[in-house]
């Protein structure tokens, strides 16, 4: 029995396609939001398998762009400083949009040094209410970049982009 997958609008089942050399379509990024995040003092967990763990509380922040709102307190980044010098990001936090919806953001990636400054690249999953204007984000690929603005009251700056077929 052939394996079947969910179909996108206008597509044919996979087993209907002739075997041929297909090329992947080019992708494009479309700006979604910019976040300025206020963080608290890290909780030093210490050495764990794979590196040094720190839990960084997320205290709040602002969201601008196609999504506008505030970052609510209560989230955290369970950061791991790996032995190779790379830091991982594993942050989950709530965003309250200006229309009152609560979006749960799960942001995972790595931070390395680029041109002498820390730069993070992340994959973002957005969990939105099933009904309403943000529901499409539940199945939209989102990627982002992360920079640190040391000395600022909102030292973490994130830029989120949706991924589209060009």
C-alpha atoms as a PDB file:
ATOM      1  CA  UNK A   1       0.000   0.000   0.000  1.00  0.00           C
ATOM      2  CA  UNK A   2       1.531   3.382  -0.975  1.00  0.00           C
ATOM      3  CA  UNK A   3       2.267   5.863   1.794  1.00  0.00           C
ATOM      4  CA  UNK A   4       0.046   8.958   1.558  1.00  0.00           C
ATOM      5  CA  UNK A   5       0.692  12.420   2.967  1.00  0.00           C
ATOM      6  CA  UNK A   6      -1.554  15.402   3.593  1.00  0.00           C
ATOM      7  CA  UNK A   7      -1.972  17.409   0.398  1.00  0.00           C
ATOM      8  CA  UNK A   8      -1.545  21.136  -0.053  1.00  0.00           C
ATOM      9  CA  UNK A   9      -4.099  22.975  -2.149  1.00  0.00           C
ATOM     10  CA  UNK A  10      -3.379  22.448  -5.844  1.00  0.00           C
ATOM     11  CA  UNK A  11      -0.963  19.586  -5.271  1.00  0.00           C
ATOM     12  CA  UNK A  12      -1.199  15.977  -6.364  1.00  0.00           C
ATOM     13  CA  UNK A  13      -0.583  12.952  -4.146  1.00  0.00           C
ATOM     14  CA  UNK A  14       3.104  12.022  -3.933  1.00  0.00           C
ATOM     15  CA  UNK A  15       2.538   8.650  -5.588  1.00  0.00           C
ATOM     16  CA  UNK A  16       1.037  10.420  -8.648  1.00  0.00           C
ATOM     17  CA  UNK A  17       4.376  12.108  -9.467  1.00  0.00           C
ATOM     18  CA  UNK A  18       6.729  10.437 -11.891  1.00  0.00           C
ATOM     19  CA  UNK A  19      10.228   9.908 -10.619  1.00  0.00           C
ATOM     20  CA  UNK A  20      12.201  12.831 -11.939  1.00  0.00           C
ATOM     21  CA  UNK A  21      14.906  15.189 -10.883  1.00  0.00           C
ATOM     22  CA  UNK A  22      13.081  17.869  -8.903  1.00  0.00           C
ATOM     23  CA  UNK A  23      14.787  20.969  -7.630  1.00  0.00           C
ATOM     24  CA  UNK A  24      13.912  22.613  -4.378  1.00  0.00           C
ATOM     25  CA  UNK A  25      12.272  26.005  -4.867  1.00  0.00           C
ATOM     26  CA  UNK A  26      14.131  29.089  -3.678  1.00  0.00           C
ATOM     27  CA  UNK A  27      12.951  30.498  -0.364  1.00  0.00           C
ATOM     28  CA  UNK A  28      12.362  34.074   0.708  1.00  0.00           C
ATOM     29  CA  UNK A  29      12.100  35.673   4.129  1.00  0.00           C
ATOM     30  CA  UNK A  30       9.335  38.130   4.990  1.00  0.00           C
ATOM     31  CA  UNK A  31       9.691  40.267   8.144  1.00  0.00           C
ATOM     32  CA  UNK A  32       7.210  39.249  10.848  1.00  0.00           C
ATOM     33  CA  UNK A  33       8.210  41.003  14.072  1.00  0.00           C
ATOM     34  CA  UNK A  34      10.988  42.624  16.041  1.00  0.00           C
ATOM     35  CA  UNK A  35      11.222  41.879  19.748  1.00  0.00           C
ATOM     36  CA  UNK A  36      13.127  43.757  22.450  1.00  0.00           C
ATOM     37  CA  UNK A  37      13.397  41.494  25.479  1.00  0.00           C
ATOM     38  CA  UNK A  38      14.195  42.365  29.075  1.00  0.00           C
ATOM     39  CA  UNK A  39      15.934  39.554  30.922  1.00  0.00           C
ATOM     40  CA  UNK A  40      16.701  38.907  34.577  1.00  0.00           C
ATOM     41  CA  UNK A  41      19.797  37.676  36.331  1.00  0.00           C
ATOM     42  CA  UNK A  42      20.724  34.187  35.148  1.00  0.00           C
ATOM     43  CA  UNK A  43      20.281  31.221  37.446  1.00  0.00           C
ATOM     44  CA  UNK A  44      23.545  29.291  37.247  1.00  0.00           C
ATOM     45  CA  UNK A  45      22.667  25.591  37.200  1.00  0.00           C
ATOM     46  CA  UNK A  46      26.257  24.499  36.653  1.00  0.00           C
ATOM     47  CA  UNK A  47      27.871  21.746  34.693  1.00  0.00           C
ATOM     48  CA  UNK A  48      25.505  19.304  32.950  1.00  0.00           C
ATOM     49  CA  UNK A  49      26.164  16.758  30.192  1.00  0.00           C
ATOM     50  CA  UNK A  50      27.218  18.785  27.162  1.00  0.00           C
ATOM     51  CA  UNK A  51      28.194  22.033  28.885  1.00  0.00           C
ATOM     52  CA  UNK A  52      27.197  24.675  31.422  1.00  0.00           C
ATOM     53  CA  UNK A  53      23.462  25.322  31.940  1.00  0.00           C
ATOM     54  CA  UNK A  54      21.995  28.751  32.766  1.00  0.00           C
ATOM     55  CA  UNK A  55      18.317  29.597  33.131  1.00  0.00           C
ATOM     56  CA  UNK A  56      17.722  33.189  32.051  1.00  0.00           C
ATOM     57  CA  UNK A  57      14.352  34.624  33.188  1.00  0.00           C
ATOM     58  CA  UNK A  58      12.400  36.631  30.614  1.00  0.00           C
ATOM     59  CA  UNK A  59      10.865  39.616  32.406  1.00  0.00           C
ATOM     60  CA  UNK A  60       9.009  41.333  29.562  1.00  0.00           C
ATOM     61  CA  UNK A  61       9.475  43.346  26.428  1.00  0.00           C
ATOM     62  CA  UNK A  62       7.915  44.800  23.310  1.00  0.00           C
ATOM     63  CA  UNK A  63       6.887  43.391  19.937  1.00  0.00           C
ATOM     64  CA  UNK A  64       6.572  45.503  16.776  1.00  0.00           C
ATOM     65  CA  UNK A  65       5.953  44.698  13.118  1.00  0.00           C
ATOM     66  CA  UNK A  66       3.141  42.577  11.690  1.00  0.00           C
ATOM     67  CA  UNK A  67       2.664  41.365  15.270  1.00  0.00           C
ATOM     68  CA  UNK A  68       2.432  44.118  17.863  1.00  0.00           C
ATOM     69  CA  UNK A  69       2.170  43.617  21.583  1.00  0.00           C
ATOM     70  CA  UNK A  70       4.115  42.881  24.734  1.00  0.00           C
ATOM     71  CA  UNK A  71       6.236  40.027  25.998  1.00  0.00           C
ATOM     72  CA  UNK A  72       4.658  38.907  29.245  1.00  0.00           C
ATOM     73  CA  UNK A  73       6.780  37.867  32.241  1.00  0.00           C
ATOM     74  CA  UNK A  74       7.139  34.191  33.061  1.00  0.00           C
ATOM     75  CA  UNK A  75       9.234  32.838  30.236  1.00  0.00           C
ATOM     76  CA  UNK A  76      12.831  31.681  30.349  1.00  0.00           C
ATOM     77  CA  UNK A  77      15.759  30.673  28.178  1.00  0.00           C
ATOM     78  CA  UNK A  78      17.339  27.376  29.254  1.00  0.00           C
ATOM     79  CA  UNK A  79      20.699  28.259  27.734  1.00  0.00           C
ATOM     80  CA  UNK A  80      23.529  25.755  27.397  1.00  0.00           C
ATOM     81  CA  UNK A  81      27.097  26.947  26.933  1.00  0.00           C
ATOM     82  CA  UNK A  82      28.592  24.026  25.014  1.00  0.00           C
ATOM     83  CA  UNK A  83      32.186  22.911  25.356  1.00  0.00           C
ATOM     84  CA  UNK A  84      32.917  24.059  21.774  1.00  0.00           C
ATOM     85  CA  UNK A  85      32.083  27.674  22.735  1.00  0.00           C
ATOM     86  CA  UNK A  86      28.638  27.730  21.113  1.00  0.00           C
ATOM     87  CA  UNK A  87      25.688  28.768  23.265  1.00  0.00           C
ATOM     88  CA  UNK A  88      22.271  27.260  22.639  1.00  0.00           C
ATOM     89  CA  UNK A  89      18.981  29.098  22.931  1.00  0.00           C
ATOM     90  CA  UNK A  90      15.933  27.246  24.200  1.00  0.00           C
ATOM     91  CA  UNK A  91      13.466  29.950  25.193  1.00  0.00           C
ATOM     92  CA  UNK A  92       9.712  29.787  25.684  1.00  0.00           C
ATOM     93  CA  UNK A  93       7.651  32.855  26.560  1.00  0.00           C
ATOM     94  CA  UNK A  94       4.184  34.384  26.080  1.00  0.00           C
ATOM     95  CA  UNK A  95       3.395  37.353  23.836  1.00  0.00           C
ATOM     96  CA  UNK A  96       0.153  39.269  24.350  1.00  0.00           C
ATOM     97  CA  UNK A  97      -0.827  40.867  21.045  1.00  0.00           C
ATOM     98  CA  UNK A  98      -2.470  44.283  20.945  1.00  0.00           C
ATOM     99  CA  UNK A  99      -5.765  42.551  20.075  1.00  0.00           C
ATOM    100  CA  UNK A 100      -5.561  40.468  23.280  1.00  0.00           C
ATOM    101  CA  UNK A 101      -4.452  37.094  21.899  1.00  0.00           C
ATOM    102  CA  UNK A 102      -1.770  35.136  23.737  1.00  0.00           C
ATOM    103  CA  UNK A 103       0.896  33.597  21.494  1.00  0.00           C
ATOM    104  CA  UNK A 104       3.346  31.094  22.932  1.00  0.00           C
ATOM    105  CA  UNK A 105       6.778  31.498  21.373  1.00  0.00           C
ATOM    106  CA  UNK A 106       9.287  28.632  21.435  1.00  0.00           C
ATOM    107  CA  UNK A 107      12.642  29.841  20.148  1.00  0.00           C
ATOM    108  CA  UNK A 108      15.523  27.368  19.634  1.00  0.00           C
ATOM    109  CA  UNK A 109      18.913  27.875  18.055  1.00  0.00           C
ATOM    110  CA  UNK A 110      22.557  28.718  18.569  1.00  0.00           C
ATOM    111  CA  UNK A 111      24.644  31.791  19.350  1.00  0.00           C
ATOM    112  CA  UNK A 112      28.143  32.125  17.929  1.00  0.00           C
ATOM    113  CA  UNK A 113      30.525  35.044  17.399  1.00  0.00           C
ATOM    114  CA  UNK A 114      30.094  36.795  14.045  1.00  0.00           C
ATOM    115  CA  UNK A 115      32.247  39.826  13.164  1.00  0.00           C
ATOM    116  CA  UNK A 116      33.338  40.047  16.805  1.00  0.00           C
ATOM    117  CA  UNK A 117      29.826  40.122  18.292  1.00  0.00           C
ATOM    118  CA  UNK A 118      27.395  37.428  19.484  1.00  0.00           C
ATOM    119  CA  UNK A 119      24.813  36.477  16.837  1.00  0.00           C
ATOM    120  CA  UNK A 120      22.072  33.908  17.226  1.00  0.00           C
ATOM    121  CA  UNK A 121      20.161  32.098  14.505  1.00  0.00           C
ATOM    122  CA  UNK A 122      16.961  30.416  15.593  1.00  0.00           C
ATOM    123  CA  UNK A 123      13.926  28.441  14.499  1.00  0.00           C
ATOM    124  CA  UNK A 124      10.685  29.641  16.056  1.00  0.00           C
ATOM    125  CA  UNK A 125       7.452  27.793  16.689  1.00  0.00           C
ATOM    126  CA  UNK A 126       4.425  29.971  17.360  1.00  0.00           C
ATOM    127  CA  UNK A 127       1.430  28.502  19.145  1.00  0.00           C
ATOM    128  CA  UNK A 128      -1.662  30.662  18.572  1.00  0.00           C
ATOM    129  CA  UNK A 129      -5.341  30.251  19.405  1.00  0.00           C
ATOM    130  CA  UNK A 130      -7.012  28.009  16.804  1.00  0.00           C
ATOM    131  CA  UNK A 131      -9.579  30.697  16.052  1.00  0.00           C
ATOM    132  CA  UNK A 132      -8.641  34.258  15.214  1.00  0.00           C
ATOM    133  CA  UNK A 133      -6.226  36.298  13.146  1.00  0.00           C
ATOM    134  CA  UNK A 134      -3.076  34.542  14.346  1.00  0.00           C
ATOM    135  CA  UNK A 135      -4.131  30.926  13.710  1.00  0.00           C
ATOM    136  CA  UNK A 136      -2.082  30.747  10.494  1.00  0.00           C
ATOM    137  CA  UNK A 137       1.103  31.063  12.580  1.00  0.00           C
ATOM    138  CA  UNK A 138       0.487  27.566  13.981  1.00  0.00           C
ATOM    139  CA  UNK A 139       1.730  26.126  10.671  1.00  0.00           C
ATOM    140  CA  UNK A 140       3.925  28.917   9.293  1.00  0.00           C
ATOM    141  CA  UNK A 141       7.714  28.362   9.288  1.00  0.00           C
ATOM    142  CA  UNK A 142       9.432  31.164  11.214  1.00  0.00           C
ATOM    143  CA  UNK A 143      13.163  31.798  11.612  1.00  0.00           C
ATOM    144  CA  UNK A 144      15.009  34.545  13.389  1.00  0.00           C
ATOM    145  CA  UNK A 145      18.178  36.303  14.377  1.00  0.00           C
ATOM    146  CA  UNK A 146      19.201  37.342  17.866  1.00  0.00           C
ATOM    147  CA  UNK A 147      21.608  40.076  18.925  1.00  0.00           C
ATOM    148  CA  UNK A 148      22.670  41.279  22.347  1.00  0.00           C
ATOM    149  CA  UNK A 149      22.724  44.970  23.278  1.00  0.00           C
ATOM    150  CA  UNK A 150      24.785  44.924  26.443  1.00  0.00           C
ATOM    151  CA  UNK A 151      24.143  47.853  28.785  1.00  0.00           C
ATOM    152  CA  UNK A 152      20.538  48.236  27.583  1.00  0.00           C
ATOM    153  CA  UNK A 153      17.433  47.667  29.730  1.00  0.00           C
ATOM    154  CA  UNK A 154      16.189  45.391  26.925  1.00  0.00           C
ATOM    155  CA  UNK A 155      19.446  43.669  25.984  1.00  0.00           C
ATOM    156  CA  UNK A 156      18.096  40.951  23.685  1.00  0.00           C
ATOM    157  CA  UNK A 157      16.861  41.968  20.251  1.00  0.00           C
ATOM    158  CA  UNK A 158      15.189  39.405  18.001  1.00  0.00           C
ATOM    159  CA  UNK A 159      14.044  39.685  14.396  1.00  0.00           C
ATOM    160  CA  UNK A 160      11.466  37.106  13.240  1.00  0.00           C
ATOM    161  CA  UNK A 161      10.814  36.220   9.593  1.00  0.00           C
ATOM    162  CA  UNK A 162       8.289  33.950   7.936  1.00  0.00           C
ATOM    163  CA  UNK A 163       9.696  31.597   5.300  1.00  0.00           C
ATOM    164  CA  UNK A 164       7.920  31.682   1.929  1.00  0.00           C
ATOM    165  CA  UNK A 165       8.486  29.981  -1.396  1.00  0.00           C
ATOM    166  CA  UNK A 166       9.996  32.718  -3.614  1.00  0.00           C
END
